[in-house]
Amino acid sequence: MARTLDRRQLVERSIIKKYRKELWNPFILAVKRYELVREGDRIAVCISGGKDSMLLGKLMQQLHRVSDVPFDVQYLVMDPGYRAENRRQIEENAALLGLPIQVRASNIFSVTSKTDRSPCYLCARMRRGHLYAMAQELGCNKIALGHHFSDVVETTVMGMLYGGQIQGMMPKLHSTNFPGMELIRPMYCIHEEDIIAWARYNGLRFLQCACRFTESLADGQGDSKRQEVKALLRELRRETPQVEKNVFRAIHNVQLDTFPSWKTGGGVHSFLEHYDDHLRPSGPDGEK
């Protein structure tokens, strides 16, 4: 007689069976390709309550179970001032998914609600600072965030169209404010549409944003540039299905010799610095 699986086990099974190609395989690809997890790491998985971070929690939990590389993992929820029903939903979902979360409260929403200038940007920076501090207290050397393939593509396009720069989203970063800490993005190669499909398949309902700012808006999201870029990419995809993959490939295949200027290490460089190098005559030994 076949063993009956409970709901949590069915969710876990869907990740490594039904959605193996869409979720598990690209997750492992990112972990290996970008060397995100190393022996002895103590990783704080940051869970906001949305679909992305909740899936990240399950992926990291499964990796912890099966990985040949020994590492430790903690599951952190930083409560920026959620309404009681939203915090309850996070806790109930964590219990359903078998994620042993640790919750810390803060007043971030009350602070960011008092500014009219880029409240979402300020909120994101404050959240990250709190998460780094929480992770350090627990002896972690890395925090893991739930940014995915679609976030990478959208951020790149937003930078070009609205920021006047070609800037990607890195799969991992050293913290400048918290020495010895790193940020990793293990879902770097996972498409958002596949995360949505997984959540719907399992009948899971997660927080959309739960921000006091966006809750006050008609569509719950606001007239953000990211929403504009999402719509633009959907439109482009109708004619060119590979358009998002092409953007993703582009940031891995930068032809620096074709750029008139670029920034690196905090400095600005121009193609003029080496433009005439090939015109200099070579010496007898072939050196210029």
C-alpha atoms as a PDB file:
ATOM      1  CA  MET A   1       0.000   0.000   0.000  1.00  0.00           C
ATOM      2  CA  ALA A   2       1.413   3.352  -1.073  1.00  0.00           C
ATOM      3  CA  ARG A   3       2.230   5.828   1.671  1.00  0.00           C
ATOM      4  CA  THR A   4      -0.050   8.849   1.799  1.00  0.00           C
ATOM      5  CA  LEU A   5       1.847  12.137   1.727  1.00  0.00           C
ATOM      6  CA  ASP A   6       0.739  15.149   3.756  1.00  0.00           C
ATOM      7  CA  ARG A   7       0.467  18.589   2.155  1.00  0.00           C
ATOM      8  CA  ARG A   8       3.979  19.689   3.086  1.00  0.00           C
ATOM      9  CA  GLN A   9       5.440  16.524   1.586  1.00  0.00           C
ATOM     10  CA  LEU A  10       3.396  17.046  -1.597  1.00  0.00           C
ATOM     11  CA  VAL A  11       4.753  20.602  -1.913  1.00  0.00           C
ATOM     12  CA  GLU A  12       8.309  19.344  -1.463  1.00  0.00           C
ATOM     13  CA  ARG A  13       7.742  16.545  -3.952  1.00  0.00           C
ATOM     14  CA  SER A  14       6.430  19.006  -6.552  1.00  0.00           C
ATOM     15  CA  ILE A  15       9.708  20.944  -6.407  1.00  0.00           C
ATOM     16  CA  ILE A  16      11.925  17.962  -7.188  1.00  0.00           C
ATOM     17  CA  LYS A  17       9.472  16.050  -9.399  1.00  0.00           C
ATOM     18  CA  LYS A  18       6.826  18.009 -11.343  1.00  0.00           C
ATOM     19  CA  TYR A  19       8.791  21.277 -11.382  1.00  0.00           C
ATOM     20  CA  ARG A  20      12.276  19.817 -11.344  1.00  0.00           C
ATOM     21  CA  LYS A  21      13.160  21.285 -14.759  1.00  0.00           C
ATOM     22  CA  GLU A  22      11.691  24.702 -13.946  1.00  0.00           C
ATOM     23  CA  LEU A  23      12.745  25.118 -10.310  1.00  0.00           C
ATOM     24  CA  TRP A  24      15.199  22.599  -8.877  1.00  0.00           C
ATOM     25  CA  ASN A  25      17.533  22.307 -11.870  1.00  0.00           C
ATOM     26  CA  PRO A  26      18.005  26.083 -12.419  1.00  0.00           C
ATOM     27  CA  PHE A  27      18.429  26.516  -8.663  1.00  0.00           C
ATOM     28  CA  ILE A  28      21.265  23.978  -8.610  1.00  0.00           C
ATOM     29  CA  LEU A  29      22.696  25.550 -11.776  1.00  0.00           C
ATOM     30  CA  ALA A  30      22.954  28.953 -10.073  1.00  0.00           C
ATOM     31  CA  VAL A  31      24.404  27.501  -6.860  1.00  0.00           C
ATOM     32  CA  LYS A  32      27.146  25.726  -8.809  1.00  0.00           C
ATOM     33  CA  ARG A  33      27.754  28.250 -11.603  1.00  0.00           C
ATOM     34  CA  TYR A  34      28.198  31.211  -9.279  1.00  0.00           C
ATOM     35  CA  GLU A  35      29.687  29.246  -6.342  1.00  0.00           C
ATOM     36  CA  LEU A  36      27.043  30.471  -3.935  1.00  0.00           C
ATOM     37  CA  VAL A  37      27.388  27.824  -1.213  1.00  0.00           C
ATOM     38  CA  ARG A  38      30.703  26.736   0.256  1.00  0.00           C
ATOM     39  CA  GLU A  39      31.726  24.331   2.960  1.00  0.00           C
ATOM     40  CA  GLY A  40      31.217  25.768   6.423  1.00  0.00           C
ATOM     41  CA  ASP A  41      28.812  28.508   5.326  1.00  0.00           C
ATOM     42  CA  ARG A  42      26.094  29.556   7.745  1.00  0.00           C
ATOM     43  CA  ILE A  43      23.400  31.052   5.535  1.00  0.00           C
ATOM     44  CA  ALA A  44      20.470  33.204   6.656  1.00  0.00           C
ATOM     45  CA  VAL A  45      17.568  32.676   4.252  1.00  0.00           C
ATOM     46  CA  CYS A  46      15.566  35.901   4.321  1.00  0.00           C
ATOM     47  CA  ILE A  47      11.819  35.333   4.091  1.00  0.00           C
ATOM     48  CA  SER A  48       9.440  38.221   3.458  1.00  0.00           C
ATOM     49  CA  GLY A  49       6.325  36.088   3.116  1.00  0.00           C
ATOM     50  CA  GLY A  50       6.010  36.354  -0.660  1.00  0.00           C
ATOM     51  CA  LYS A  51       6.106  33.471  -3.140  1.00  0.00           C
ATOM     52  CA  ASP A  52       9.767  34.016  -4.050  1.00  0.00           C
ATOM     53  CA  SER A  53      11.257  33.958  -0.570  1.00  0.00           C
ATOM     54  CA  MET A  54       9.025  31.104   0.575  1.00  0.00           C
ATOM     55  CA  LEU A  55      10.146  28.991  -2.369  1.00  0.00           C
ATOM     56  CA  LEU A  56      13.744  29.977  -1.667  1.00  0.00           C
ATOM     57  CA  GLY A  57      13.291  28.668   1.857  1.00  0.00           C
ATOM     58  CA  LYS A  58      12.134  25.283   0.555  1.00  0.00           C
ATOM     59  CA  LEU A  59      14.907  25.079  -2.035  1.00  0.00           C
ATOM     60  CA  MET A  60      17.603  25.867   0.527  1.00  0.00           C
ATOM     61  CA  GLN A  61      16.053  23.416   2.967  1.00  0.00           C
ATOM     62  CA  GLN A  62      16.159  20.640   0.362  1.00  0.00           C
ATOM     63  CA  LEU A  63      19.728  21.531  -0.607  1.00  0.00           C
ATOM     64  CA  HIS A  64      20.737  21.372   3.054  1.00  0.00           C
ATOM     65  CA  ARG A  65      19.316  17.853   3.210  1.00  0.00           C
ATOM     66  CA  VAL A  66      21.019  16.435   0.118  1.00  0.00           C
ATOM     67  CA  SER A  67      24.164  18.506  -0.432  1.00  0.00           C
ATOM     68  CA  ASP A  68      27.598  16.929  -0.235  1.00  0.00           C
ATOM     69  CA  VAL A  69      28.876  20.337   0.873  1.00  0.00           C
ATOM     70  CA  PRO A  70      28.257  20.766   4.612  1.00  0.00           C
ATOM     71  CA  PHE A  71      26.650  24.094   5.512  1.00  0.00           C
ATOM     72  CA  ASP A  72      24.122  25.439   7.986  1.00  0.00           C
ATOM     73  CA  VAL A  73      20.963  27.405   7.312  1.00  0.00           C
ATOM     74  CA  GLN A  74      18.710  29.738   9.305  1.00  0.00           C
ATOM     75  CA  TYR A  75      15.322  31.122   8.216  1.00  0.00           C
ATOM     76  CA  LEU A  76      14.795  34.773   9.114  1.00  0.00           C
ATOM     77  CA  VAL A  77      11.660  36.897   8.916  1.00  0.00           C
ATOM     78  CA  MET A  78      12.171  40.579   9.531  1.00  0.00           C
ATOM     79  CA  ASP A  79       8.747  42.082  10.337  1.00  0.00           C
ATOM     80  CA  PRO A  80       8.909  45.707   9.117  1.00  0.00           C
ATOM     81  CA  GLY A  81       5.509  46.478  10.634  1.00  0.00           C
ATOM     82  CA  TYR A  82       3.087  44.066   8.995  1.00  0.00           C
ATOM     83  CA  ARG A  83      -0.583  44.159   9.827  1.00  0.00           C
ATOM     84  CA  ALA A  84      -1.536  41.370  12.221  1.00  0.00           C
ATOM     85  CA  GLU A  85      -3.285  39.343   9.510  1.00  0.00           C
ATOM     86  CA  ASN A  86      -0.268  39.529   7.202  1.00  0.00           C
ATOM     87  CA  ARG A  87       2.169  38.404   9.872  1.00  0.00           C
ATOM     88  CA  ARG A  88      -0.200  35.585  10.763  1.00  0.00           C
ATOM     89  CA  GLN A  89      -0.273  34.468   7.129  1.00  0.00           C
ATOM     90  CA  ILE A  90       3.534  34.323   7.030  1.00  0.00           C
ATOM     91  CA  GLU A  91       3.653  32.252  10.192  1.00  0.00           C
ATOM     92  CA  GLU A  92       0.917  29.890   8.973  1.00  0.00           C
ATOM     93  CA  ASN A  93       2.625  29.388   5.602  1.00  0.00           C
ATOM     94  CA  ALA A  94       5.957  28.734   7.299  1.00  0.00           C
ATOM     95  CA  ALA A  95       4.316  26.125   9.525  1.00  0.00           C
ATOM     96  CA  LEU A  96       2.599  24.537   6.528  1.00  0.00           C
ATOM     97  CA  LEU A  97       5.875  24.367   4.584  1.00  0.00           C
ATOM     98  CA  GLY A  98       7.921  23.172   7.528  1.00  0.00           C
ATOM     99  CA  LEU A  99      10.186  26.222   7.672  1.00  0.00           C
ATOM    100  CA  PRO A 100      11.450  26.938  11.223  1.00  0.00           C
ATOM    101  CA  ILE A 101      11.427  30.722  10.949  1.00  0.00           C
ATOM    102  CA  GLN A 102      12.752  33.244  13.437  1.00  0.00           C
ATOM    103  CA  VAL A 103      10.796  36.515  13.462  1.00  0.00           C
ATOM    104  CA  ARG A 104      12.185  39.899  14.507  1.00  0.00           C
ATOM    105  CA  ALA A 105      10.093  43.077  14.589  1.00  0.00           C
ATOM    106  CA  SER A 106      11.113  46.566  13.406  1.00  0.00           C
ATOM    107  CA  ASN A 107       9.499  49.953  12.690  1.00  0.00           C
ATOM    108  CA  ILE A 108      10.583  50.240   9.046  1.00  0.00           C
ATOM    109  CA  PHE A 109       7.085  50.796   7.618  1.00  0.00           C
ATOM    110  CA  SER A 110       6.394  53.638  10.043  1.00  0.00           C
ATOM    111  CA  VAL A 111       9.683  55.306   9.078  1.00  0.00           C
ATOM    112  CA  THR A 112       9.311  54.932   5.304  1.00  0.00           C
ATOM    113  CA  SER A 113       5.666  56.030   5.341  1.00  0.00           C
ATOM    114  CA  LYS A 114       6.803  59.496   6.434  1.00  0.00           C
ATOM    115  CA  THR A 115       8.887  60.134   3.317  1.00  0.00           C
ATOM    116  CA  ASP A 116       7.552  61.107  -0.100  1.00  0.00           C
ATOM    117  CA  ARG A 117      10.834  60.402  -1.892  1.00  0.00           C
ATOM    118  CA  SER A 118      11.429  56.809  -3.027  1.00  0.00           C
ATOM    119  CA  PRO A 119       9.776  55.050  -0.055  1.00  0.00           C
ATOM    120  CA  CYS A 120      10.247  51.633  -1.692  1.00  0.00           C
ATOM    121  CA  TYR A 121      13.988  52.226  -2.190  1.00  0.00           C
ATOM    122  CA  LEU A 122      14.393  53.382   1.399  1.00  0.00           C
ATOM    123  CA  CYS A 123      12.374  50.423   2.677  1.00  0.00           C
ATOM    124  CA  ALA A 124      14.508  47.943   0.718  1.00  0.00           C
ATOM    125  CA  ARG A 125      17.761  49.449   2.056  1.00  0.00           C
ATOM    126  CA  MET A 126      16.522  49.472   5.629  1.00  0.00           C
ATOM    127  CA  ARG A 127      15.236  45.909   5.379  1.00  0.00           C
ATOM    128  CA  ARG A 128      18.557  44.677   4.058  1.00  0.00           C
ATOM    129  CA  GLY A 129      20.463  46.420   6.841  1.00  0.00           C
ATOM    130  CA  HIS A 130      18.234  44.823   9.473  1.00  0.00           C
ATOM    131  CA  LEU A 131      18.630  41.397   7.851  1.00  0.00           C
ATOM    132  CA  TYR A 132      22.424  41.685   7.772  1.00  0.00           C
ATOM    133  CA  ALA A 133      22.440  42.663  11.443  1.00  0.00           C
ATOM    134  CA  MET A 134      20.118  39.778  12.379  1.00  0.00           C
ATOM    135  CA  ALA A 135      22.221  37.313  10.401  1.00  0.00           C
ATOM    136  CA  GLN A 136      25.442  38.466  12.043  1.00  0.00           C
ATOM    137  CA  GLU A 137      23.891  38.048  15.481  1.00  0.00           C
ATOM    138  CA  LEU A 138      23.156  34.414  14.580  1.00  0.00           C
ATOM    139  CA  GLY A 139      26.711  33.830  13.424  1.00  0.00           C
ATOM    140  CA  CYS A 140      25.854  33.726   9.720  1.00  0.00           C
ATOM    141  CA  ASN A 141      28.292  34.784   7.019  1.00  0.00           C
ATOM    142  CA  LYS A 142      25.756  35.028   4.179  1.00  0.00           C
ATOM    143  CA  ILE A 143      22.191  36.163   3.590  1.00  0.00           C
ATOM    144  CA  ALA A 144      20.159  34.599   0.773  1.00  0.00           C
ATOM    145  CA  LEU A 145      17.506  36.660  -1.021  1.00  0.00           C
ATOM    146  CA  GLY A 146      14.730  35.501  -3.349  1.00  0.00           C
ATOM    147  CA  HIS A 147      15.542  37.580  -6.442  1.00  0.00           C
ATOM    148  CA  HIS A 148      15.009  35.535  -9.598  1.00  0.00           C
ATOM    149  CA  PHE A 149      15.754  35.544 -13.338  1.00  0.00           C
ATOM    150  CA  SER A 150      12.881  37.929 -14.084  1.00  0.00           C
ATOM    151  CA  ASP A 151      14.128  40.407 -11.461  1.00  0.00           C
ATOM    152  CA  VAL A 152      17.578  40.321 -13.089  1.00  0.00           C
ATOM    153  CA  VAL A 153      16.183  41.032 -16.562  1.00  0.00           C
ATOM    154  CA  GLU A 154      13.783  43.741 -15.402  1.00  0.00           C
ATOM    155  CA  THR A 155      16.473  45.502 -13.373  1.00  0.00           C
ATOM    156  CA  THR A 156      18.814  45.515 -16.367  1.00  0.00           C
ATOM    157  CA  VAL A 157      16.174  46.990 -18.677  1.00  0.00           C
ATOM    158  CA  MET A 158      15.089  49.544 -16.062  1.00  0.00           C
ATOM    159  CA  GLY A 159      18.664  50.749 -15.702  1.00  0.00           C
ATOM    160  CA  MET A 160      18.983  51.288 -19.442  1.00  0.00           C
ATOM    161  CA  LEU A 161      15.607  52.944 -20.035  1.00  0.00           C
ATOM    162  CA  TYR A 162      15.240  55.009 -16.885  1.00  0.00           C
ATOM    163  CA  GLY A 163      18.671  55.164 -15.259  1.00  0.00           C
ATOM    164  CA  GLY A 164      20.881  55.859 -18.262  1.00  0.00           C
ATOM    165  CA  GLN A 165      23.231  52.996 -17.398  1.00  0.00           C
ATOM    166  CA  ILE A 166      23.846  49.358 -18.184  1.00  0.00           C
ATOM    167  CA  GLN A 167      23.829  47.722 -14.782  1.00  0.00           C
ATOM    168  CA  GLY A 168      23.023  44.147 -13.901  1.00  0.00           C
ATOM    169  CA  MET A 169      22.009  42.413 -10.688  1.00  0.00           C
ATOM    170  CA  MET A 170      24.848  40.263  -9.367  1.00  0.00           C
ATOM    171  CA  PRO A 171      24.302  36.663  -8.202  1.00  0.00           C
ATOM    172  CA  LYS A 172      26.419  37.400  -5.132  1.00  0.00           C
ATOM    173  CA  LEU A 173      27.985  40.446  -3.486  1.00  0.00           C
ATOM    174  CA  HIS A 174      30.324  41.253  -0.621  1.00  0.00           C
ATOM    175  CA  SER A 175      28.666  43.601   1.861  1.00  0.00           C
ATOM    176  CA  THR A 176      30.301  47.008   2.137  1.00  0.00           C
ATOM    177  CA  ASN A 177      28.679  47.865   5.478  1.00  0.00           C
ATOM    178  CA  PHE A 178      28.927  44.469   7.194  1.00  0.00           C
ATOM    179  CA  PRO A 179      32.505  43.138   6.841  1.00  0.00           C
ATOM    180  CA  GLY A 180      32.739  39.417   6.249  1.00  0.00           C
ATOM    181  CA  MET A 181      29.120  39.150   5.082  1.00  0.00           C
ATOM    182  CA  GLU A 182      27.923  38.201   1.604  1.00  0.00           C
ATOM    183  CA  LEU A 183      24.591  38.398  -0.189  1.00  0.00           C
ATOM    184  CA  ILE A 184      23.659  35.489  -2.475  1.00  0.00           C
ATOM    185  CA  ARG A 185      20.767  35.020  -4.911  1.00  0.00           C
ATOM    186  CA  PRO A 186      20.259  31.250  -5.406  1.00  0.00           C
ATOM    187  CA  MET A 187      17.110  31.725  -7.543  1.00  0.00           C
ATOM    188  CA  TYR A 188      19.062  33.740 -10.115  1.00  0.00           C
ATOM    189  CA  CYS A 189      18.168  31.360 -12.967  1.00  0.00           C
ATOM    190  CA  ILE A 190      14.512  30.672 -12.047  1.00  0.00           C
ATOM    191  CA  HIS A 191      11.740  32.376 -14.040  1.00  0.00           C
ATOM    192  CA  GLU A 192       8.963  34.140 -12.119  1.00  0.00           C
ATOM    193  CA  GLU A 193       6.235  32.495 -14.204  1.00  0.00           C
ATOM    194  CA  ASP A 194       7.429  29.085 -13.005  1.00  0.00           C
ATOM    195  CA  ILE A 195       7.295  30.217  -9.369  1.00  0.00           C
ATOM    196  CA  ILE A 196       3.712  31.371  -9.915  1.00  0.00           C
ATOM    197  CA  ALA A 197       2.814  28.056 -11.580  1.00  0.00           C
ATOM    198  CA  TRP A 198       4.295  26.103  -8.641  1.00  0.00           C
ATOM    199  CA  ALA A 199       2.353  28.146  -6.083  1.00  0.00           C
ATOM    200  CA  ARG A 200      -0.923  27.729  -7.988  1.00  0.00           C
ATOM    201  CA  TYR A 201      -0.385  24.001  -8.490  1.00  0.00           C
ATOM    202  CA  ASN A 202      -0.038  23.554  -4.728  1.00  0.00           C
ATOM    203  CA  GLY A 203      -2.871  25.947  -3.871  1.00  0.00           C
ATOM    204  CA  LEU A 204      -0.523  28.180  -1.907  1.00  0.00           C
ATOM    205  CA  ARG A 205      -1.401  31.795  -1.132  1.00  0.00           C
ATOM    206  CA  PHE A 206       1.423  34.148  -0.226  1.00  0.00           C
ATOM    207  CA  LEU A 207       1.736  37.851   0.559  1.00  0.00           C
ATOM    208  CA  GLN A 208       1.850  40.122  -2.482  1.00  0.00           C
ATOM    209  CA  CYS A 209       3.728  42.939  -0.791  1.00  0.00           C
ATOM    210  CA  ALA A 210       1.932  43.842   2.474  1.00  0.00           C
ATOM    211  CA  CYS A 211       3.520  47.289   2.390  1.00  0.00           C
ATOM    212  CA  ARG A 212       1.420  50.098   3.909  1.00  0.00           C
ATOM    213  CA  PHE A 213       2.366  52.273   0.931  1.00  0.00           C
ATOM    214  CA  THR A 214       1.240  49.900  -1.839  1.00  0.00           C
ATOM    215  CA  GLU A 215      -1.834  48.766   0.115  1.00  0.00           C
ATOM    216  CA  SER A 216      -3.151  52.315  -0.197  1.00  0.00           C
ATOM    217  CA  LEU A 217      -2.984  52.203  -3.995  1.00  0.00           C
ATOM    218  CA  ALA A 218      -5.780  50.991  -6.245  1.00  0.00           C
ATOM    219  CA  ASP A 219      -3.962  48.009  -7.788  1.00  0.00           C
ATOM    220  CA  GLY A 220      -1.829  47.184  -4.763  1.00  0.00           C
ATOM    221  CA  GLN A 221       1.346  47.718  -6.785  1.00  0.00           C
ATOM    222  CA  GLY A 222       1.504  51.334  -7.775  1.00  0.00           C
ATOM    223  CA  ASP A 223       2.505  52.976 -11.027  1.00  0.00           C
ATOM    224  CA  SER A 224       6.107  51.818 -10.735  1.00  0.00           C
ATOM    225  CA  LYS A 225       8.716  51.695 -13.441  1.00  0.00           C
ATOM    226  CA  ARG A 226       9.137  47.979 -12.754  1.00  0.00           C
ATOM    227  CA  GLN A 227       5.495  47.372 -13.639  1.00  0.00           C
ATOM    228  CA  GLU A 228       6.009  49.328 -16.857  1.00  0.00           C
ATOM    229  CA  VAL A 229       9.023  47.185 -17.733  1.00  0.00           C
ATOM    230  CA  LYS A 230       7.105  43.993 -16.951  1.00  0.00           C
ATOM    231  CA  ALA A 231       4.400  45.090 -19.377  1.00  0.00           C
ATOM    232  CA  LEU A 232       6.976  46.063 -22.010  1.00  0.00           C
ATOM    233  CA  LEU A 233       8.723  42.685 -21.788  1.00  0.00           C
ATOM    234  CA  ARG A 234       5.397  40.867 -22.086  1.00  0.00           C
ATOM    235  CA  GLU A 235       4.667  42.814 -25.257  1.00  0.00           C
ATOM    236  CA  LEU A 236       8.134  42.152 -26.723  1.00  0.00           C
ATOM    237  CA  ARG A 237       7.846  38.468 -25.880  1.00  0.00           C
ATOM    238  CA  ARG A 238       4.869  38.118 -28.211  1.00  0.00           C
ATOM    239  CA  GLU A 239       7.099  38.804 -31.210  1.00  0.00           C
ATOM    240  CA  THR A 240      10.383  37.513 -29.763  1.00  0.00           C
ATOM    241  CA  PRO A 241       9.842  34.731 -27.188  1.00  0.00           C
ATOM    242  CA  GLN A 242      13.567  34.680 -26.349  1.00  0.00           C
ATOM    243  CA  VAL A 243      13.812  38.390 -25.545  1.00  0.00           C
ATOM    244  CA  GLU A 244      14.263  37.952 -21.787  1.00  0.00           C
ATOM    245  CA  LYS A 245      16.823  35.183 -22.219  1.00  0.00           C
ATOM    246  CA  ASN A 246      18.687  37.446 -24.625  1.00  0.00           C
ATOM    247  CA  VAL A 247      18.869  40.220 -22.020  1.00  0.00           C
ATOM    248  CA  PHE A 248      20.091  37.693 -19.430  1.00  0.00           C
ATOM    249  CA  ARG A 249      22.737  36.369 -21.842  1.00  0.00           C
ATOM    250  CA  ALA A 250      23.788  39.927 -22.678  1.00  0.00           C
ATOM    251  CA  ILE A 251      24.932  40.713 -19.133  1.00  0.00           C
ATOM    252  CA  HIS A 252      27.029  37.529 -19.232  1.00  0.00           C
ATOM    253  CA  ASN A 253      28.499  38.419 -22.621  1.00  0.00           C
ATOM    254  CA  VAL A 254      29.519  42.085 -22.357  1.00  0.00           C
ATOM    255  CA  GLN A 255      31.746  43.183 -25.248  1.00  0.00           C
ATOM    256  CA  LEU A 256      33.713  45.814 -23.345  1.00  0.00           C
ATOM    257  CA  ASP A 257      35.784  46.768 -26.402  1.00  0.00           C
ATOM    258  CA  THR A 258      32.635  48.218 -27.986  1.00  0.00           C
ATOM    259  CA  PHE A 259      31.836  50.603 -25.107  1.00  0.00           C
ATOM    260  CA  PRO A 260      32.988  54.251 -25.246  1.00  0.00           C
ATOM    261  CA  SER A 261      33.213  54.371 -21.444  1.00  0.00           C
ATOM    262  CA  TRP A 262      32.640  52.180 -18.418  1.00  0.00           C
ATOM    263  CA  LYS A 263      32.902  52.197 -14.646  1.00  0.00           C
ATOM    264  CA  THR A 264      34.824  49.742 -12.524  1.00  0.00           C
ATOM    265  CA  GLY A 265      36.202  49.876  -9.000  1.00  0.00           C
ATOM    266  CA  GLY A 266      34.640  53.279  -8.483  1.00  0.00           C
ATOM    267  CA  GLY A 267      36.516  54.833 -11.416  1.00  0.00           C
ATOM    268  CA  VAL A 268      35.425  55.898 -14.902  1.00  0.00           C
ATOM    269  CA  HIS A 269      37.406  54.712 -17.934  1.00  0.00           C
ATOM    270  CA  SER A 270      37.284  55.721 -21.587  1.00  0.00           C
ATOM    271  CA  PHE A 271      38.103  53.840 -24.764  1.00  0.00           C
ATOM    272  CA  LEU A 272      40.419  56.764 -25.569  1.00  0.00           C
ATOM    273  CA  GLU A 273      42.858  55.526 -22.928  1.00  0.00           C
ATOM    274  CA  HIS A 274      43.982  52.750 -25.276  1.00  0.00           C
ATOM    275  CA  TYR A 275      42.535  53.879 -28.608  1.00  0.00           C
ATOM    276  CA  ASP A 276      45.897  54.582 -30.290  1.00  0.00           C
ATOM    277  CA  ASP A 277      47.786  51.625 -28.827  1.00  0.00           C
ATOM    278  CA  HIS A 278      47.503  49.571 -32.009  1.00  0.00           C
ATOM    279  CA  LEU A 279      49.093  52.409 -34.028  1.00  0.00           C
ATOM    280  CA  ARG A 280      52.360  52.378 -32.120  1.00  0.00           C
ATOM    281  CA  PRO A 281      55.189  50.764 -34.100  1.00  0.00           C
ATOM    282  CA  SER A 282      56.489  47.409 -32.928  1.00  0.00           C
ATOM    283  CA  GLY A 283      60.157  46.929 -32.010  1.00  0.00           C
ATOM    284  CA  PRO A 284      62.487  44.236 -33.378  1.00  0.00           C
ATOM    285  CA  ASP A 285      61.262  41.726 -30.824  1.00  0.00           C
ATOM    286  CA  GLY A 286      57.640  42.407 -31.612  1.00  0.00           C
ATOM    287  CA  GLU A 287      56.986  44.542 -28.536  1.00  0.00           C
ATOM    288  CA  LYS A 288      55.498  47.976 -28.877  1.00  0.00           C
END
